[in-house]
Amino acid sequence: MGYVFIYLAAVLIFLGIDAVWLKTMTGLFYEKRIGHLLADEPNMIAAGVFYMFYLLALCVLILYPQIKAGALRLVIYSCLVA
């Protein structure tokens, strides 16, 4: 598997899960607890930069070494935990 494919797969999975979480939990969880800290409009550029670096670190530190070692089952568990 190529590094770019793994990175893009991680991006799609992460953003999919995160989008569902934020759409469902913003009103139910965040507004009640930290609503006074939330911005009126989210800074999507800052969020995008954070996600890209976060996922790059996830791939470099967890996914790539495990795939190189042939530990596919451990890669799947690492994805579920991260």
C-alpha atoms as a PDB file:
ATOM      1  CA  MET A   1       0.000   0.000   0.000  1.00  0.00           C
ATOM      2  CA  GLY A   2       1.236   3.454  -0.805  1.00  0.00           C
ATOM      3  CA  TYR A   3       1.693   6.086   1.833  1.00  0.00           C
ATOM      4  CA  VAL A   4      -0.591   8.507  -0.001  1.00  0.00           C
ATOM      5  CA  PHE A   5      -3.390   5.916  -0.158  1.00  0.00           C
ATOM      6  CA  ILE A   6      -3.109   5.220   3.579  1.00  0.00           C
ATOM      7  CA  TYR A   7      -3.108   8.931   4.384  1.00  0.00           C
ATOM      8  CA  LEU A   8      -6.148   9.626   2.188  1.00  0.00           C
ATOM      9  CA  ALA A   9      -8.012   6.656   3.652  1.00  0.00           C
ATOM     10  CA  ALA A  10      -7.266   7.958   7.165  1.00  0.00           C
ATOM     11  CA  VAL A  11      -8.463  11.437   6.160  1.00  0.00           C
ATOM     12  CA  LEU A  12     -11.742  10.114   4.748  1.00  0.00           C
ATOM     13  CA  ILE A  13     -12.446   7.876   7.735  1.00  0.00           C
ATOM     14  CA  PHE A  14     -11.493  10.515  10.298  1.00  0.00           C
ATOM     15  CA  LEU A  15     -13.444  13.335   8.664  1.00  0.00           C
ATOM     16  CA  GLY A  16     -16.483  11.102   8.193  1.00  0.00           C
ATOM     17  CA  ILE A  17     -16.574  10.090  11.848  1.00  0.00           C
ATOM     18  CA  ASP A  18     -15.779  13.610  13.021  1.00  0.00           C
ATOM     19  CA  ALA A  19     -18.474  15.169  10.831  1.00  0.00           C
ATOM     20  CA  VAL A  20     -21.110  12.822  12.235  1.00  0.00           C
ATOM     21  CA  TRP A  21     -19.912  13.498  15.797  1.00  0.00           C
ATOM     22  CA  LEU A  22     -19.917  17.265  15.420  1.00  0.00           C
ATOM     23  CA  LYS A  23     -23.284  17.371  13.636  1.00  0.00           C
ATOM     24  CA  THR A  24     -24.980  15.300  16.314  1.00  0.00           C
ATOM     25  CA  MET A  25     -23.201  16.407  19.481  1.00  0.00           C
ATOM     26  CA  THR A  26     -22.682  20.143  19.053  1.00  0.00           C
ATOM     27  CA  GLY A  27     -26.160  21.026  20.269  1.00  0.00           C
ATOM     28  CA  LEU A  28     -26.535  18.151  22.709  1.00  0.00           C
ATOM     29  CA  PHE A  29     -23.146  18.199  24.374  1.00  0.00           C
ATOM     30  CA  TYR A  30     -20.960  21.199  23.551  1.00  0.00           C
ATOM     31  CA  GLU A  31     -23.548  23.987  23.636  1.00  0.00           C
ATOM     32  CA  LYS A  32     -24.682  23.101  27.139  1.00  0.00           C
ATOM     33  CA  ARG A  33     -21.216  22.704  28.610  1.00  0.00           C
ATOM     34  CA  ILE A  34     -18.924  25.110  26.764  1.00  0.00           C
ATOM     35  CA  GLY A  35     -21.313  27.181  24.674  1.00  0.00           C
ATOM     36  CA  HIS A  36     -19.840  30.426  25.970  1.00  0.00           C
ATOM     37  CA  LEU A  37     -16.410  29.390  24.624  1.00  0.00           C
ATOM     38  CA  LEU A  38     -17.561  28.452  21.126  1.00  0.00           C
ATOM     39  CA  ALA A  39     -17.040  30.888  18.279  1.00  0.00           C
ATOM     40  CA  ASP A  40     -20.022  32.094  16.274  1.00  0.00           C
ATOM     41  CA  GLU A  41     -18.386  30.797  13.092  1.00  0.00           C
ATOM     42  CA  PRO A  42     -15.828  27.969  13.207  1.00  0.00           C
ATOM     43  CA  ASN A  43     -12.410  28.710  11.728  1.00  0.00           C
ATOM     44  CA  MET A  44     -12.371  26.068   9.002  1.00  0.00           C
ATOM     45  CA  ILE A  45      -8.835  26.889   7.827  1.00  0.00           C
ATOM     46  CA  ALA A  46      -7.403  26.345  11.304  1.00  0.00           C
ATOM     47  CA  ALA A  47      -9.447  23.150  11.683  1.00  0.00           C
ATOM     48  CA  GLY A  48      -8.256  21.860   8.305  1.00  0.00           C
ATOM     49  CA  VAL A  49      -4.605  22.555   9.090  1.00  0.00           C
ATOM     50  CA  PHE A  50      -4.946  20.870  12.480  1.00  0.00           C
ATOM     51  CA  TYR A  51      -6.613  17.784  10.997  1.00  0.00           C
ATOM     52  CA  MET A  52      -4.005  17.406   8.252  1.00  0.00           C
ATOM     53  CA  PHE A  53      -1.104  17.567  10.735  1.00  0.00           C
ATOM     54  CA  TYR A  54      -2.905  15.368  13.256  1.00  0.00           C
ATOM     55  CA  LEU A  55      -3.556  12.706  10.648  1.00  0.00           C
ATOM     56  CA  LEU A  56      -0.022  12.940   9.314  1.00  0.00           C
ATOM     57  CA  ALA A  57       1.285  12.289  12.828  1.00  0.00           C
ATOM     58  CA  LEU A  58      -1.206   9.422  13.209  1.00  0.00           C
ATOM     59  CA  CYS A  59       0.022   7.852   9.982  1.00  0.00           C
ATOM     60  CA  VAL A  60       3.735   8.366  10.654  1.00  0.00           C
ATOM     61  CA  LEU A  61       3.695   7.262  14.287  1.00  0.00           C
ATOM     62  CA  ILE A  62       1.073   4.500  14.217  1.00  0.00           C
ATOM     63  CA  LEU A  63      -0.128   3.320  10.837  1.00  0.00           C
ATOM     64  CA  TYR A  64       3.001   3.236   8.648  1.00  0.00           C
ATOM     65  CA  PRO A  65       5.217   1.363  11.141  1.00  0.00           C
ATOM     66  CA  GLN A  66       2.506  -1.213  11.810  1.00  0.00           C
ATOM     67  CA  ILE A  67       1.804  -1.804   8.145  1.00  0.00           C
ATOM     68  CA  LYS A  68       5.539  -2.103   7.440  1.00  0.00           C
ATOM     69  CA  ALA A  69       5.817  -4.685  10.228  1.00  0.00           C
ATOM     70  CA  GLY A  70       2.909  -6.625   8.731  1.00  0.00           C
ATOM     71  CA  ALA A  71       0.668  -6.214  11.744  1.00  0.00           C
ATOM     72  CA  LEU A  72      -2.581  -5.541   9.891  1.00  0.00           C
ATOM     73  CA  ARG A  73      -4.768  -6.555  12.840  1.00  0.00           C
ATOM     74  CA  LEU A  74      -2.896  -4.126  15.091  1.00  0.00           C
ATOM     75  CA  VAL A  75      -3.360  -1.381  12.482  1.00  0.00           C
ATOM     76  CA  ILE A  76      -7.114  -1.905  12.577  1.00  0.00           C
ATOM     77  CA  TYR A  77      -7.143  -1.786  16.395  1.00  0.00           C
ATOM     78  CA  SER A  78      -4.970   1.341  16.342  1.00  0.00           C
ATOM     79  CA  CYS A  79      -7.431   3.032  13.993  1.00  0.00           C
ATOM     80  CA  LEU A  80     -10.320   2.186  16.281  1.00  0.00           C
ATOM     81  CA  VAL A  81      -8.536   3.538  19.360  1.00  0.00           C
ATOM     82  CA  ALA A  82      -7.186   6.725  17.743  1.00  0.00           C
END
